[in-house]
Every structure is written in C-alpha cells, then in structure tokens.
N, C-alpha and C. Protein backbone atom coordinates (compact mmCIF):
# COMPACT_ATOMS: atom_id res chain seq x y z
N MET A 1 11.68 -11.01 13.38
CA MET A 1 11.49 -11.02 11.94
C MET A 1 11.73 -9.61 11.39
N PRO A 2 12.30 -9.54 10.20
CA PRO A 2 12.55 -8.22 9.62
C PRO A 2 11.27 -7.54 9.15
N LEU A 3 11.28 -6.21 9.21
CA LEU A 3 10.15 -5.43 8.70
C LEU A 3 10.52 -4.87 7.34
N HIS A 4 9.60 -4.99 6.40
CA HIS A 4 9.77 -4.43 5.06
C HIS A 4 8.84 -3.24 4.95
N GLU A 5 9.39 -2.11 4.52
CA GLU A 5 8.58 -0.91 4.34
C GLU A 5 8.14 -0.81 2.88
N ILE A 6 6.84 -0.63 2.69
CA ILE A 6 6.29 -0.40 1.35
C ILE A 6 6.20 1.11 1.19
N VAL A 7 6.87 1.65 0.17
CA VAL A 7 6.90 3.10 -0.02
C VAL A 7 6.23 3.48 -1.33
N SER A 8 5.75 4.72 -1.36
CA SER A 8 5.14 5.24 -2.58
C SER A 8 6.25 5.61 -3.57
N PRO A 9 6.14 5.16 -4.82
CA PRO A 9 7.17 5.49 -5.80
C PRO A 9 7.02 6.91 -6.36
N LEU A 10 5.86 7.54 -6.11
CA LEU A 10 5.61 8.87 -6.65
C LEU A 10 4.61 9.61 -5.78
N PRO A 11 4.56 10.94 -5.91
CA PRO A 11 3.57 11.70 -5.14
C PRO A 11 2.19 11.56 -5.77
N GLY A 12 1.16 11.62 -4.95
CA GLY A 12 -0.21 11.52 -5.45
C GLY A 12 -1.17 11.22 -4.32
N THR A 13 -2.27 10.58 -4.65
CA THR A 13 -3.27 10.19 -3.67
C THR A 13 -3.25 8.68 -3.53
N PHE A 14 -3.12 8.21 -2.29
CA PHE A 14 -3.06 6.77 -2.03
C PHE A 14 -4.46 6.22 -1.78
N TYR A 15 -4.73 5.08 -2.40
CA TYR A 15 -6.01 4.39 -2.20
C TYR A 15 -5.74 2.98 -1.72
N ARG A 16 -6.45 2.58 -0.68
CA ARG A 16 -6.30 1.23 -0.13
C ARG A 16 -7.24 0.23 -0.78
N ARG A 17 -8.06 0.67 -1.72
CA ARG A 17 -8.99 -0.23 -2.41
C ARG A 17 -9.15 0.22 -3.86
N PRO A 18 -9.54 -0.71 -4.74
CA PRO A 18 -9.61 -0.39 -6.17
C PRO A 18 -10.76 0.54 -6.57
N SER A 19 -11.81 0.58 -5.76
CA SER A 19 -12.95 1.47 -6.02
C SER A 19 -13.64 1.75 -4.69
N PRO A 20 -14.43 2.83 -4.62
CA PRO A 20 -15.04 3.21 -3.34
C PRO A 20 -15.93 2.14 -2.70
N ASP A 21 -16.52 1.26 -3.50
CA ASP A 21 -17.41 0.23 -2.95
C ASP A 21 -16.74 -1.14 -2.81
N ALA A 22 -15.44 -1.20 -3.07
CA ALA A 22 -14.71 -2.48 -3.00
C ALA A 22 -14.07 -2.65 -1.62
N ASP A 23 -13.68 -3.88 -1.33
CA ASP A 23 -12.94 -4.16 -0.10
C ASP A 23 -11.52 -3.62 -0.21
N TYR A 24 -10.89 -3.37 0.94
CA TYR A 24 -9.50 -2.94 0.96
C TYR A 24 -8.60 -4.06 0.42
N TYR A 25 -7.49 -3.66 -0.20
CA TYR A 25 -6.52 -4.65 -0.67
C TYR A 25 -5.97 -5.45 0.51
N VAL A 26 -5.58 -4.74 1.59
CA VAL A 26 -5.02 -5.40 2.77
C VAL A 26 -5.51 -4.71 4.03
N ALA A 27 -5.38 -5.41 5.14
CA ALA A 27 -5.72 -4.87 6.45
C ALA A 27 -4.64 -5.33 7.43
N ILE A 28 -4.65 -4.76 8.62
CA ILE A 28 -3.71 -5.19 9.66
C ILE A 28 -3.89 -6.69 9.89
N ASP A 29 -2.78 -7.39 10.02
CA ASP A 29 -2.72 -8.85 10.24
C ASP A 29 -2.99 -9.67 8.99
N ALA A 30 -3.27 -9.03 7.86
CA ALA A 30 -3.45 -9.78 6.61
C ALA A 30 -2.10 -10.34 6.16
N THR A 31 -2.13 -11.50 5.55
CA THR A 31 -0.93 -12.10 4.99
C THR A 31 -0.90 -11.78 3.50
N VAL A 32 0.24 -11.26 3.03
CA VAL A 32 0.39 -10.92 1.62
C VAL A 32 1.58 -11.66 1.04
N ALA A 33 1.51 -11.92 -0.25
CA ALA A 33 2.61 -12.54 -0.98
C ALA A 33 3.43 -11.45 -1.65
N ALA A 34 4.70 -11.71 -1.86
CA ALA A 34 5.53 -10.77 -2.61
C ALA A 34 4.91 -10.56 -3.98
N GLY A 35 4.81 -9.31 -4.40
CA GLY A 35 4.22 -8.99 -5.69
C GLY A 35 2.73 -8.73 -5.66
N ALA A 36 2.09 -8.96 -4.51
CA ALA A 36 0.65 -8.71 -4.39
C ALA A 36 0.38 -7.21 -4.37
N VAL A 37 -0.70 -6.80 -5.01
CA VAL A 37 -1.09 -5.39 -5.00
C VAL A 37 -1.64 -5.05 -3.62
N VAL A 38 -1.10 -3.98 -3.01
CA VAL A 38 -1.53 -3.58 -1.68
C VAL A 38 -2.16 -2.19 -1.67
N GLY A 39 -2.16 -1.52 -2.81
CA GLY A 39 -2.76 -0.19 -2.90
C GLY A 39 -2.52 0.43 -4.26
N LEU A 40 -3.04 1.64 -4.43
CA LEU A 40 -2.89 2.40 -5.67
C LEU A 40 -2.46 3.83 -5.33
N VAL A 41 -1.68 4.44 -6.23
CA VAL A 41 -1.40 5.87 -6.13
C VAL A 41 -1.90 6.51 -7.41
N GLU A 42 -2.73 7.54 -7.25
CA GLU A 42 -3.30 8.25 -8.39
C GLU A 42 -2.58 9.58 -8.58
N VAL A 43 -2.19 9.82 -9.82
CA VAL A 43 -1.61 11.10 -10.22
C VAL A 43 -2.29 11.51 -11.51
N MET A 44 -3.04 12.59 -11.48
CA MET A 44 -3.73 13.13 -12.66
C MET A 44 -4.54 12.04 -13.39
N LYS A 45 -5.35 11.31 -12.64
CA LYS A 45 -6.24 10.26 -13.14
C LYS A 45 -5.50 9.03 -13.69
N GLN A 46 -4.21 8.94 -13.45
CA GLN A 46 -3.44 7.74 -13.80
C GLN A 46 -3.16 6.98 -12.51
N PHE A 47 -3.45 5.69 -12.50
CA PHE A 47 -3.30 4.88 -11.30
C PHE A 47 -2.09 3.95 -11.44
N THR A 48 -1.27 3.94 -10.40
CA THR A 48 -0.10 3.06 -10.34
C THR A 48 -0.33 2.06 -9.21
N GLU A 49 -0.22 0.77 -9.53
CA GLU A 49 -0.38 -0.26 -8.51
C GLU A 49 0.85 -0.29 -7.62
N ILE A 50 0.62 -0.41 -6.32
CA ILE A 50 1.70 -0.56 -5.35
C ILE A 50 1.74 -2.03 -4.95
N GLU A 51 2.89 -2.66 -5.14
CA GLU A 51 3.03 -4.08 -4.85
C GLU A 51 3.92 -4.29 -3.63
N ALA A 52 3.63 -5.35 -2.90
CA ALA A 52 4.47 -5.74 -1.77
C ALA A 52 5.81 -6.22 -2.31
N ASP A 53 6.90 -5.74 -1.74
CA ASP A 53 8.22 -6.18 -2.19
C ASP A 53 8.67 -7.45 -1.47
N ALA A 54 7.88 -7.88 -0.49
CA ALA A 54 8.18 -9.10 0.25
C ALA A 54 6.88 -9.67 0.80
N GLY A 55 6.87 -10.96 1.02
CA GLY A 55 5.70 -11.58 1.61
C GLY A 55 5.75 -11.52 3.12
N GLY A 56 4.59 -11.60 3.74
CA GLY A 56 4.54 -11.59 5.19
C GLY A 56 3.21 -11.08 5.70
N ARG A 57 3.22 -10.60 6.94
CA ARG A 57 2.01 -10.13 7.61
C ARG A 57 2.04 -8.61 7.73
N VAL A 58 0.94 -7.97 7.35
CA VAL A 58 0.85 -6.51 7.46
C VAL A 58 0.73 -6.16 8.94
N VAL A 59 1.69 -5.37 9.43
CA VAL A 59 1.70 -5.02 10.85
C VAL A 59 1.40 -3.54 11.10
N GLU A 60 1.50 -2.72 10.07
CA GLU A 60 1.26 -1.29 10.26
C GLU A 60 0.80 -0.65 8.95
N LEU A 61 -0.31 0.10 9.02
CA LEU A 61 -0.80 0.89 7.90
C LEU A 61 -0.62 2.35 8.29
N LEU A 62 0.19 3.08 7.54
CA LEU A 62 0.56 4.43 7.92
C LEU A 62 -0.20 5.52 7.17
N VAL A 63 -0.94 5.14 6.13
CA VAL A 63 -1.66 6.11 5.31
C VAL A 63 -3.10 5.65 5.15
N GLU A 64 -4.02 6.56 5.33
CA GLU A 64 -5.45 6.25 5.18
C GLU A 64 -5.86 6.31 3.71
N ASP A 65 -6.97 5.68 3.40
CA ASP A 65 -7.54 5.69 2.06
C ASP A 65 -7.86 7.12 1.64
N GLY A 66 -7.37 7.54 0.46
CA GLY A 66 -7.65 8.87 -0.06
C GLY A 66 -6.72 9.95 0.42
N GLU A 67 -5.68 9.58 1.16
CA GLU A 67 -4.75 10.55 1.73
C GLU A 67 -3.63 10.88 0.74
N PRO A 68 -3.20 12.15 0.66
CA PRO A 68 -2.07 12.49 -0.21
C PRO A 68 -0.76 11.91 0.33
N VAL A 69 0.12 11.51 -0.60
CA VAL A 69 1.42 10.95 -0.22
C VAL A 69 2.52 11.59 -1.06
N ASP A 70 3.73 11.52 -0.55
CA ASP A 70 4.91 12.00 -1.27
C ASP A 70 5.71 10.80 -1.77
N ALA A 71 6.54 11.03 -2.77
CA ALA A 71 7.44 9.98 -3.25
C ALA A 71 8.36 9.57 -2.11
N GLY A 72 8.51 8.28 -1.90
CA GLY A 72 9.37 7.77 -0.84
C GLY A 72 8.71 7.65 0.52
N GLN A 73 7.46 8.10 0.63
CA GLN A 73 6.75 8.01 1.91
C GLN A 73 6.38 6.56 2.21
N VAL A 74 6.58 6.15 3.45
CA VAL A 74 6.24 4.78 3.86
C VAL A 74 4.72 4.67 3.97
N LEU A 75 4.16 3.67 3.29
CA LEU A 75 2.72 3.45 3.28
C LEU A 75 2.30 2.40 4.31
N MET A 76 3.12 1.36 4.43
CA MET A 76 2.81 0.26 5.36
C MET A 76 4.07 -0.53 5.64
N ARG A 77 3.99 -1.33 6.68
CA ARG A 77 5.11 -2.21 7.03
C ARG A 77 4.62 -3.65 7.07
N ILE A 78 5.46 -4.53 6.54
CA ILE A 78 5.15 -5.96 6.48
C ILE A 78 6.23 -6.71 7.25
N GLU A 79 5.81 -7.60 8.12
CA GLU A 79 6.73 -8.43 8.88
C GLU A 79 6.87 -9.77 8.18
N GLY A 80 8.09 -10.17 7.94
CA GLY A 80 8.26 -11.46 7.29
C GLY A 80 9.61 -11.58 6.80
C-alpha cells in the first residue's frame, strides 16, 4: 500500500491535540479519513489545522506534541 506523508504547510509549533487536557487527534494504528484533522501548527498564537490528504492507517508519527517544525517537514505517514 502507498504511504502518504502529511507535511507542515508552515513553520511553527506542532500540536497533536486541540488543548493540553484533550485526547490526541490520532495515534499509531488509528484509521483516518481524508480531510480529517490530524494536528495543529501554531504561529504567533494563530492555529492552522493540519488535515490528512488521504484516508488510511497512521503508521508513523515523526513529531511530538509541542515540538517546533519547519515548512515542508513530514509530520506523519499514513498507509492507504
């Protein structure tokens, strides 16, 4: 099955959940639909939703919650 890479569209801080006390958007082996929100990138208190560009199973998470990211950096891989 092909792997789809989810990349950050901009530099900032990546968050795997909508708030510190909330559950993560996705985890390893989670099934996601195309267009589903899988994380957030914060830049100067502005949050951009990161959506899956394809449906499938999350097989790799490459960035931890609260970690800085660059534009074009791969955040996770989805098999499907």
